[in-house]
Amino acid sequence: MVIKIYVFDKSDGRCLYEDTGNPEYVIADLGDDKDFTLTPPPDNSKQWRWVDGEWI
């Protein structure tokens, strides 16, 4: 199984990057200062932030 996750900074919600691969490995690679969502940002028009379960 392969998944795509969208990684964001826990402190400010800033979208950092996307990662694709085996769930065990892509999630295990996250540091304590990062979290992820399966929901992609709407577009690349601005620096998105993940706040309260949505990109703003």
PDB file of N, CA and C in Angstrom:
ATOM      1  N   MET A   1       0.843  -1.179   0.000  1.00  0.00           N
ATOM      2  CA  MET A   1       0.000   0.000   0.000  1.00  0.00           C
ATOM      3  C   MET A   1       0.888   1.242   0.000  1.00  0.00           C
ATOM      4  N   VAL A   2       0.497   2.226  -0.782  1.00  0.00           N
ATOM      5  CA  VAL A   2       1.218   3.496  -0.862  1.00  0.00           C
ATOM      6  C   VAL A   2       0.238   4.619  -0.527  1.00  0.00           C
ATOM      7  N   ILE A   3       0.689   5.570   0.293  1.00  0.00           N
ATOM      8  CA  ILE A   3      -0.138   6.730   0.626  1.00  0.00           C
ATOM      9  C   ILE A   3       0.633   8.012   0.331  1.00  0.00           C
ATOM     10  N   LYS A   4      -0.104   9.099   0.222  1.00  0.00           N
ATOM     11  CA  LYS A   4       0.502  10.425   0.091  1.00  0.00           C
ATOM     12  C   LYS A   4       0.062  11.231   1.302  1.00  0.00           C
ATOM     13  N   ILE A   5       1.037  11.789   2.023  1.00  0.00           N
ATOM     14  CA  ILE A   5       0.721  12.627   3.177  1.00  0.00           C
ATOM     15  C   ILE A   5       1.228  14.040   2.924  1.00  0.00           C
ATOM     16  N   TYR A   6       0.612  14.992   3.588  1.00  0.00           N
ATOM     17  CA  TYR A   6       0.990  16.396   3.498  1.00  0.00           C
ATOM     18  C   TYR A   6       1.483  16.796   4.880  1.00  0.00           C
ATOM     19  N   VAL A   7       2.749  17.127   4.955  1.00  0.00           N
ATOM     20  CA  VAL A   7       3.416  17.369   6.231  1.00  0.00           C
ATOM     21  C   VAL A   7       3.381  18.855   6.565  1.00  0.00           C
ATOM     22  N   PHE A   8       3.061  19.144   7.834  1.00  0.00           N
ATOM     23  CA  PHE A   8       3.036  20.531   8.282  1.00  0.00           C
ATOM     24  C   PHE A   8       3.745  20.663   9.620  1.00  0.00           C
ATOM     25  N   ASP A   9       4.190  21.868   9.907  1.00  0.00           N
ATOM     26  CA  ASP A   9       4.877  22.196  11.153  1.00  0.00           C
ATOM     27  C   ASP A   9       3.847  22.287  12.275  1.00  0.00           C
ATOM     28  N   LYS A  10       4.078  21.581  13.373  1.00  0.00           N
ATOM     29  CA  LYS A  10       3.119  21.588  14.494  1.00  0.00           C
ATOM     30  C   LYS A  10       2.970  22.963  15.137  1.00  0.00           C
ATOM     31  N   SER A  11       4.035  23.738  15.172  1.00  0.00           N
ATOM     32  CA  SER A  11       3.980  25.010  15.896  1.00  0.00           C
ATOM     33  C   SER A  11       3.143  26.074  15.193  1.00  0.00           C
ATOM     34  N   ASP A  12       3.210  26.128  13.868  1.00  0.00           N
ATOM     35  CA  ASP A  12       2.466  27.186  13.172  1.00  0.00           C
ATOM     36  C   ASP A  12       1.555  26.679  12.051  1.00  0.00           C
ATOM     37  N   GLY A  13       1.530  25.363  11.810  1.00  0.00           N
ATOM     38  CA  GLY A  13       0.646  24.798  10.801  1.00  0.00           C
ATOM     39  C   GLY A  13       1.117  24.956   9.373  1.00  0.00           C
ATOM     40  N   ARG A  14       2.294  25.546   9.185  1.00  0.00           N
ATOM     41  CA  ARG A  14       2.817  25.818   7.844  1.00  0.00           C
ATOM     42  C   ARG A  14       3.039  24.522   7.068  1.00  0.00           C
ATOM     43  N   CYS A  15       2.529  24.458   5.841  1.00  0.00           N
ATOM     44  CA  CYS A  15       2.718  23.296   4.974  1.00  0.00           C
ATOM     45  C   CYS A  15       4.187  23.228   4.566  1.00  0.00           C
ATOM     46  N   LEU A  16       4.827  22.079   4.813  1.00  0.00           N
ATOM     47  CA  LEU A  16       6.249  21.935   4.535  1.00  0.00           C
ATOM     48  C   LEU A  16       6.521  21.167   3.247  1.00  0.00           C
ATOM     49  N   TYR A  17       5.894  20.003   3.087  1.00  0.00           N
ATOM     50  CA  TYR A  17       6.126  19.179   1.900  1.00  0.00           C
ATOM     51  C   TYR A  17       5.114  18.043   1.859  1.00  0.00           C
ATOM     52  N   GLU A  18       5.099  17.321   0.728  1.00  0.00           N
ATOM     53  CA  GLU A  18       4.293  16.107   0.633  1.00  0.00           C
ATOM     54  C   GLU A  18       5.239  14.927   0.513  1.00  0.00           C
ATOM     55  N   ASP A  19       4.790  13.777   0.979  1.00  0.00           N
ATOM     56  CA  ASP A  19       5.610  12.570   0.948  1.00  0.00           C
ATOM     57  C   ASP A  19       4.726  11.411   0.518  1.00  0.00           C
ATOM     58  N   THR A  20       5.272  10.533  -0.301  1.00  0.00           N
ATOM     59  CA  THR A  20       4.543   9.377  -0.804  1.00  0.00           C
ATOM     60  C   THR A  20       5.331   8.125  -0.495  1.00  0.00           C
ATOM     61  N   GLY A  21       4.635   7.089  -0.042  1.00  0.00           N
ATOM     62  CA  GLY A  21       5.314   5.825   0.211  1.00  0.00           C
ATOM     63  C   GLY A  21       4.527   4.923   1.135  1.00  0.00           C
ATOM     64  N   ASN A  22       5.219   3.936   1.658  1.00  0.00           N
ATOM     65  CA  ASN A  22       4.650   2.991   2.605  1.00  0.00           C
ATOM     66  C   ASN A  22       4.270   3.751   3.874  1.00  0.00           C
ATOM     67  N   PRO A  23       3.037   3.588   4.366  1.00  0.00           N
ATOM     68  CA  PRO A  23       2.603   4.348   5.548  1.00  0.00           C
ATOM     69  C   PRO A  23       3.537   4.223   6.748  1.00  0.00           C
ATOM     70  N   GLU A  24       4.050   3.034   6.998  1.00  0.00           N
ATOM     71  CA  GLU A  24       4.933   2.833   8.150  1.00  0.00           C
ATOM     72  C   GLU A  24       6.169   3.717   8.073  1.00  0.00           C
ATOM     73  N   TYR A  25       6.716   3.870   6.874  1.00  0.00           N
ATOM     74  CA  TYR A  25       7.964   4.614   6.721  1.00  0.00           C
ATOM     75  C   TYR A  25       7.761   6.121   6.639  1.00  0.00           C
ATOM     76  N   VAL A  26       6.763   6.563   5.857  1.00  0.00           N
ATOM     77  CA  VAL A  26       6.590   8.015   5.719  1.00  0.00           C
ATOM     78  C   VAL A  26       6.149   8.649   7.032  1.00  0.00           C
ATOM     79  N   ILE A  27       5.349   7.937   7.812  1.00  0.00           N
ATOM     80  CA  ILE A  27       4.912   8.468   9.103  1.00  0.00           C
ATOM     81  C   ILE A  27       6.036   8.383  10.127  1.00  0.00           C
ATOM     82  N   ALA A  28       6.804   7.294  10.090  1.00  0.00           N
ATOM     83  CA  ALA A  28       7.920   7.125  11.032  1.00  0.00           C
ATOM     84  C   ALA A  28       9.010   8.171  10.814  1.00  0.00           C
ATOM     85  N   ASP A  29       9.131   8.691   9.592  1.00  0.00           N
ATOM     86  CA  ASP A  29      10.159   9.688   9.277  1.00  0.00           C
ATOM     87  C   ASP A  29       9.846  11.075   9.826  1.00  0.00           C
ATOM     88  N   LEU A  30       8.624  11.300  10.283  1.00  0.00           N
ATOM     89  CA  LEU A  30       8.251  12.617  10.808  1.00  0.00           C
ATOM     90  C   LEU A  30       8.942  12.861  12.143  1.00  0.00           C
ATOM     91  N   GLY A  31       9.454  14.050  12.319  1.00  0.00           N
ATOM     92  CA  GLY A  31      10.039  14.422  13.602  1.00  0.00           C
ATOM     93  C   GLY A  31       8.955  14.823  14.586  1.00  0.00           C
ATOM     94  N   ASP A  32       9.347  15.068  15.816  1.00  0.00           N
ATOM     95  CA  ASP A  32       8.394  15.473  16.852  1.00  0.00           C
ATOM     96  C   ASP A  32       7.771  16.835  16.577  1.00  0.00           C
ATOM     97  N   ASP A  33       8.417  17.621  15.720  1.00  0.00           N
ATOM     98  CA  ASP A  33       7.926  18.967  15.431  1.00  0.00           C
ATOM     99  C   ASP A  33       7.018  19.022  14.204  1.00  0.00           C
ATOM    100  N   LYS A  34       6.696  17.854  13.623  1.00  0.00           N
ATOM    101  CA  LYS A  34       5.877  17.803  12.413  1.00  0.00           C
ATOM    102  C   LYS A  34       4.679  16.890  12.618  1.00  0.00           C
ATOM    103  N   ASP A  35       3.622  17.155  11.849  1.00  0.00           N
ATOM    104  CA  ASP A  35       2.444  16.300  11.826  1.00  0.00           C
ATOM    105  C   ASP A  35       2.007  16.205  10.370  1.00  0.00           C
ATOM    106  N   PHE A  36       0.944  15.451  10.088  1.00  0.00           N
ATOM    107  CA  PHE A  36       0.537  15.281   8.704  1.00  0.00           C
ATOM    108  C   PHE A  36      -0.977  15.198   8.583  1.00  0.00           C
ATOM    109  N   THR A  37      -1.442  15.379   7.354  1.00  0.00           N
ATOM    110  CA  THR A  37      -2.834  15.182   6.992  1.00  0.00           C
ATOM    111  C   THR A  37      -2.859  14.470   5.646  1.00  0.00           C
ATOM    112  N   LEU A  38      -3.972  13.838   5.333  1.00  0.00           N
ATOM    113  CA  LEU A  38      -4.158  13.207   4.028  1.00  0.00           C
ATOM    114  C   LEU A  38      -4.843  14.162   3.056  1.00  0.00           C
ATOM    115  N   THR A  39      -5.273  15.318   3.553  1.00  0.00           N
ATOM    116  CA  THR A  39      -5.976  16.312   2.748  1.00  0.00           C
ATOM    117  C   THR A  39      -4.972  17.260   2.096  1.00  0.00           C
ATOM    118  N   PRO A  40      -4.943  17.317   0.763  1.00  0.00           N
ATOM    119  CA  PRO A  40      -3.987  18.210   0.100  1.00  0.00           C
ATOM    120  C   PRO A  40      -4.386  19.676   0.230  1.00  0.00           C
ATOM    121  N   PRO A  41      -3.389  20.578   0.200  1.00  0.00           N
ATOM    122  CA  PRO A  41      -3.713  22.007   0.142  1.00  0.00           C
ATOM    123  C   PRO A  41      -4.469  22.295  -1.162  1.00  0.00           C
ATOM    124  N   PRO A  42      -5.315  23.311  -1.186  1.00  0.00           N
ATOM    125  CA  PRO A  42      -6.114  23.606  -2.379  1.00  0.00           C
ATOM    126  C   PRO A  42      -5.296  23.866  -3.645  1.00  0.00           C
ATOM    127  N   ASP A  43      -4.186  24.574  -3.522  1.00  0.00           N
ATOM    128  CA  ASP A  43      -3.348  24.890  -4.682  1.00  0.00           C
ATOM    129  C   ASP A  43      -2.007  25.418  -4.183  1.00  0.00           C
ATOM    130  N   ASN A  44      -1.189  25.887  -5.100  1.00  0.00           N
ATOM    131  CA  ASN A  44       0.125  26.423  -4.732  1.00  0.00           C
ATOM    132  C   ASN A  44       0.178  27.944  -4.819  1.00  0.00           C
ATOM    133  N   SER A  45      -0.982  28.586  -4.708  1.00  0.00           N
ATOM    134  CA  SER A  45      -1.039  30.034  -4.880  1.00  0.00           C
ATOM    135  C   SER A  45      -0.506  30.813  -3.684  1.00  0.00           C
ATOM    136  N   LYS A  46      -0.402  30.149  -2.518  1.00  0.00           N
ATOM    137  CA  LYS A  46       0.078  30.833  -1.324  1.00  0.00           C
ATOM    138  C   LYS A  46       0.657  29.810  -0.356  1.00  0.00           C
ATOM    139  N   GLN A  47       1.219  30.277   0.738  1.00  0.00           N
ATOM    140  CA  GLN A  47       1.732  29.404   1.797  1.00  0.00           C
ATOM    141  C   GLN A  47       0.564  29.010   2.692  1.00  0.00           C
ATOM    142  N   TRP A  48       0.068  27.803   2.548  1.00  0.00           N
ATOM    143  CA  TRP A  48      -1.072  27.325   3.317  1.00  0.00           C
ATOM    144  C   TRP A  48      -0.663  26.922   4.717  1.00  0.00           C
ATOM    145  N   ARG A  49      -1.626  27.006   5.639  1.00  0.00           N
ATOM    146  CA  ARG A  49      -1.430  26.568   7.027  1.00  0.00           C
ATOM    147  C   ARG A  49      -2.583  25.647   7.413  1.00  0.00           C
ATOM    148  N   TRP A  50      -2.270  24.579   8.139  1.00  0.00           N
ATOM    149  CA  TRP A  50      -3.273  23.622   8.619  1.00  0.00           C
ATOM    150  C   TRP A  50      -3.725  24.076  10.000  1.00  0.00           C
ATOM    151  N   VAL A  51      -4.980  24.531  10.103  1.00  0.00           N
ATOM    152  CA  VAL A  51      -5.522  25.059  11.357  1.00  0.00           C
ATOM    153  C   VAL A  51      -6.901  24.451  11.588  1.00  0.00           C
ATOM    154  N   ASP A  52      -7.089  23.836  12.741  1.00  0.00           N
ATOM    155  CA  ASP A  52      -8.386  23.261  13.128  1.00  0.00           C
ATOM    156  C   ASP A  52      -8.971  22.342  12.058  1.00  0.00           C
ATOM    157  N   GLY A  53      -8.135  21.508  11.466  1.00  0.00           N
ATOM    158  CA  GLY A  53      -8.610  20.506  10.522  1.00  0.00           C
ATOM    159  C   GLY A  53      -8.871  20.980   9.111  1.00  0.00           C
ATOM    160  N   GLU A  54      -8.340  22.170   8.748  1.00  0.00           N
ATOM    161  CA  GLU A  54      -8.505  22.646   7.374  1.00  0.00           C
ATOM    162  C   GLU A  54      -7.351  23.550   6.972  1.00  0.00           C
ATOM    163  N   TRP A  55      -7.124  23.643   5.667  1.00  0.00           N
ATOM    164  CA  TRP A  55      -6.095  24.539   5.135  1.00  0.00           C
ATOM    165  C   TRP A  55      -6.662  25.945   5.056  1.00  0.00           C
ATOM    166  N   ILE A  56      -5.920  26.904   5.612  1.00  0.00           N
ATOM    167  CA  ILE A  56      -6.345  28.311   5.511  1.00  0.00           C
ATOM    168  C   ILE A  56      -5.210  29.124   4.911  1.00  0.00           C
TER     169      ILE A  56
END
